[in-house]
Amino acid sequence: MIKRIAMLGLMLFAFGCLSWAQNKSFTGTVSDEHCGAKHAKASAAAETCVEKCVSGGAKYVLVSHGKVYQVDDQDKFKGMGGKAVKVTGSLTDSTITVADVSPVGGK
């Protein structure tokens, strides 16, 4: 009986770990770590500012629903600064491990 309970507990733990690491979708605007939520809305001015900051050494971030998320794969965001995007990936603390990035709204 104890073995069955232990096995059930192990299976539930493993299932929880798998579901925790699943990819989720986030929509928002690509900003940079210096400006953060200042670029919560996509615009031409945001595009110029973000790309300038990134070329100066800042990292891309995602602003979604007022929260700023770090993103692990900076190369996937090149040319998307200041634009509305959909990011698919897994979240750990405030960092998204990015699987895919795509523009929102055909831009």
C-alpha atoms as a PDB file:
ATOM      1  CA  MET A   1       0.000   0.000   0.000  1.00  0.00           C
ATOM      2  CA  ILE A   2       2.805   2.418   0.878  1.00  0.00           C
ATOM      3  CA  LYS A   3       4.523   1.635  -2.424  1.00  0.00           C
ATOM      4  CA  ARG A   4       1.335   2.488  -4.341  1.00  0.00           C
ATOM      5  CA  ILE A   5       0.945   5.795  -2.520  1.00  0.00           C
ATOM      6  CA  ALA A   6       4.605   6.625  -3.122  1.00  0.00           C
ATOM      7  CA  MET A   7       4.275   5.730  -6.806  1.00  0.00           C
ATOM      8  CA  LEU A   8       1.134   7.863  -7.138  1.00  0.00           C
ATOM      9  CA  GLY A   9       2.911  10.779  -5.468  1.00  0.00           C
ATOM     10  CA  LEU A  10       5.875  10.415  -7.819  1.00  0.00           C
ATOM     11  CA  MET A  11       3.611  10.330 -10.869  1.00  0.00           C
ATOM     12  CA  LEU A  12       1.738  13.453  -9.732  1.00  0.00           C
ATOM     13  CA  PHE A  13       5.042  15.242  -9.111  1.00  0.00           C
ATOM     14  CA  ALA A  14       6.351  14.298 -12.570  1.00  0.00           C
ATOM     15  CA  PHE A  15       3.114  15.428 -14.222  1.00  0.00           C
ATOM     16  CA  GLY A  16       3.302  18.741 -12.356  1.00  0.00           C
ATOM     17  CA  CYS A  17       6.868  19.307 -13.532  1.00  0.00           C
ATOM     18  CA  LEU A  18       5.920  18.629 -17.145  1.00  0.00           C
ATOM     19  CA  SER A  19       2.929  20.957 -17.100  1.00  0.00           C
ATOM     20  CA  TRP A  20       4.951  23.687 -15.358  1.00  0.00           C
ATOM     21  CA  ALA A  21       7.546  23.769 -18.141  1.00  0.00           C
ATOM     22  CA  GLN A  22       5.047  23.888 -21.011  1.00  0.00           C
ATOM     23  CA  ASN A  23       5.179  26.764 -23.459  1.00  0.00           C
ATOM     24  CA  LYS A  24       2.772  29.643 -23.017  1.00  0.00           C
ATOM     25  CA  SER A  25       1.919  32.568 -25.276  1.00  0.00           C
ATOM     26  CA  PHE A  26       2.561  36.178 -24.320  1.00  0.00           C
ATOM     27  CA  THR A  27       1.485  39.200 -26.358  1.00  0.00           C
ATOM     28  CA  GLY A  28       3.049  42.585 -25.854  1.00  0.00           C
ATOM     29  CA  THR A  29       5.552  45.095 -27.136  1.00  0.00           C
ATOM     30  CA  VAL A  30       9.286  44.607 -27.542  1.00  0.00           C
ATOM     31  CA  SER A  31      11.126  47.219 -25.488  1.00  0.00           C
ATOM     32  CA  ASP A  32      14.618  47.439 -24.040  1.00  0.00           C
ATOM     33  CA  GLU A  33      15.834  47.014 -20.486  1.00  0.00           C
ATOM     34  CA  HIS A  34      16.564  50.738 -20.069  1.00  0.00           C
ATOM     35  CA  CYS A  35      13.141  52.040 -21.135  1.00  0.00           C
ATOM     36  CA  GLY A  36      11.121  49.010 -20.019  1.00  0.00           C
ATOM     37  CA  ALA A  37       7.416  49.783 -19.708  1.00  0.00           C
ATOM     38  CA  LYS A  38       7.795  53.242 -21.317  1.00  0.00           C
ATOM     39  CA  HIS A  39       7.307  51.390 -24.594  1.00  0.00           C
ATOM     40  CA  ALA A  40       4.216  49.447 -23.547  1.00  0.00           C
ATOM     41  CA  LYS A  41       2.503  50.491 -26.795  1.00  0.00           C
ATOM     42  CA  ALA A  42       3.953  49.795 -30.217  1.00  0.00           C
ATOM     43  CA  SER A  43       4.839  52.918 -32.212  1.00  0.00           C
ATOM     44  CA  ALA A  44       7.351  54.268 -34.713  1.00  0.00           C
ATOM     45  CA  ALA A  45       8.953  56.348 -31.940  1.00  0.00           C
ATOM     46  CA  ALA A  46       9.294  53.223 -29.777  1.00  0.00           C
ATOM     47  CA  GLU A  47      10.890  51.326 -32.682  1.00  0.00           C
ATOM     48  CA  THR A  48      13.544  54.034 -33.113  1.00  0.00           C
ATOM     49  CA  CYS A  49      14.249  54.358 -29.393  1.00  0.00           C
ATOM     50  CA  VAL A  50      14.440  50.624 -28.664  1.00  0.00           C
ATOM     51  CA  GLU A  51      16.718  49.834 -31.589  1.00  0.00           C
ATOM     52  CA  LYS A  52      18.994  52.757 -30.624  1.00  0.00           C
ATOM     53  CA  CYS A  53      19.227  51.545 -27.020  1.00  0.00           C
ATOM     54  CA  VAL A  54      19.871  47.947 -28.107  1.00  0.00           C
ATOM     55  CA  SER A  55      22.599  49.038 -30.526  1.00  0.00           C
ATOM     56  CA  GLY A  56      24.155  50.799 -27.513  1.00  0.00           C
ATOM     57  CA  GLY A  57      24.243  47.573 -25.487  1.00  0.00           C
ATOM     58  CA  ALA A  58      20.797  47.304 -23.874  1.00  0.00           C
ATOM     59  CA  LYS A  59      18.894  44.016 -24.050  1.00  0.00           C
ATOM     60  CA  TYR A  60      15.445  43.427 -25.490  1.00  0.00           C
ATOM     61  CA  VAL A  61      12.572  42.802 -23.059  1.00  0.00           C
ATOM     62  CA  LEU A  62       8.877  42.081 -23.529  1.00  0.00           C
ATOM     63  CA  VAL A  63       6.260  44.377 -21.982  1.00  0.00           C
ATOM     64  CA  SER A  64       2.986  42.500 -21.541  1.00  0.00           C
ATOM     65  CA  HIS A  65       0.015  43.682 -19.454  1.00  0.00           C
ATOM     66  CA  GLY A  66       2.208  46.176 -17.581  1.00  0.00           C
ATOM     67  CA  LYS A  67       4.869  43.601 -16.660  1.00  0.00           C
ATOM     68  CA  VAL A  68       8.409  43.606 -18.040  1.00  0.00           C
ATOM     69  CA  TYR A  69       9.826  40.171 -18.896  1.00  0.00           C
ATOM     70  CA  GLN A  70      13.446  39.375 -19.677  1.00  0.00           C
ATOM     71  CA  VAL A  71      13.896  37.246 -22.805  1.00  0.00           C
ATOM     72  CA  ASP A  72      16.659  34.691 -23.186  1.00  0.00           C
ATOM     73  CA  ASP A  73      17.262  34.654 -26.949  1.00  0.00           C
ATOM     74  CA  GLN A  74      18.065  38.215 -27.998  1.00  0.00           C
ATOM     75  CA  ASP A  75      18.705  37.259 -31.647  1.00  0.00           C
ATOM     76  CA  LYS A  76      15.044  36.333 -32.135  1.00  0.00           C
ATOM     77  CA  PHE A  77      14.045  39.945 -31.391  1.00  0.00           C
ATOM     78  CA  LYS A  78      16.348  41.714 -33.851  1.00  0.00           C
ATOM     79  CA  GLY A  79      14.368  44.221 -35.891  1.00  0.00           C
ATOM     80  CA  MET A  80      11.278  43.863 -33.675  1.00  0.00           C
ATOM     81  CA  GLY A  81      12.010  46.676 -31.218  1.00  0.00           C
ATOM     82  CA  GLY A  82       8.946  48.803 -30.487  1.00  0.00           C
ATOM     83  CA  LYS A  83       6.632  46.387 -32.309  1.00  0.00           C
ATOM     84  CA  ALA A  84       3.682  44.329 -31.087  1.00  0.00           C
ATOM     85  CA  VAL A  85       4.574  40.630 -30.942  1.00  0.00           C
ATOM     86  CA  LYS A  86       3.388  37.233 -29.785  1.00  0.00           C
ATOM     87  CA  VAL A  87       6.064  35.307 -27.895  1.00  0.00           C
ATOM     88  CA  THR A  88       5.781  31.585 -27.232  1.00  0.00           C
ATOM     89  CA  GLY A  89       7.967  30.128 -24.520  1.00  0.00           C
ATOM     90  CA  SER A  90       8.228  28.996 -20.930  1.00  0.00           C
ATOM     91  CA  LEU A  91       8.331  31.388 -17.991  1.00  0.00           C
ATOM     92  CA  THR A  92      10.690  31.048 -15.045  1.00  0.00           C
ATOM     93  CA  ASP A  93      10.497  33.895 -12.541  1.00  0.00           C
ATOM     94  CA  SER A  94      10.451  36.941 -14.865  1.00  0.00           C
ATOM     95  CA  THR A  95      12.425  35.412 -17.752  1.00  0.00           C
ATOM     96  CA  ILE A  96      10.862  33.863 -20.847  1.00  0.00           C
ATOM     97  CA  THR A  97      12.774  31.028 -22.512  1.00  0.00           C
ATOM     98  CA  VAL A  98      11.732  31.884 -26.052  1.00  0.00           C
ATOM     99  CA  ALA A  99      10.616  29.231 -28.536  1.00  0.00           C
ATOM    100  CA  ASP A 100       9.123  31.603 -31.136  1.00  0.00           C
ATOM    101  CA  VAL A 101       8.454  35.304 -31.792  1.00  0.00           C
ATOM    102  CA  SER A 102       6.006  36.580 -34.399  1.00  0.00           C
ATOM    103  CA  PRO A 103       4.598  40.026 -35.216  1.00  0.00           C
ATOM    104  CA  VAL A 104       1.025  40.789 -34.195  1.00  0.00           C
ATOM    105  CA  GLY A 105      -1.315  42.614 -36.537  1.00  0.00           C
ATOM    106  CA  GLY A 106       0.628  41.937 -39.728  1.00  0.00           C
ATOM    107  CA  LYS A 107       3.415  44.407 -38.926  1.00  0.00           C
END
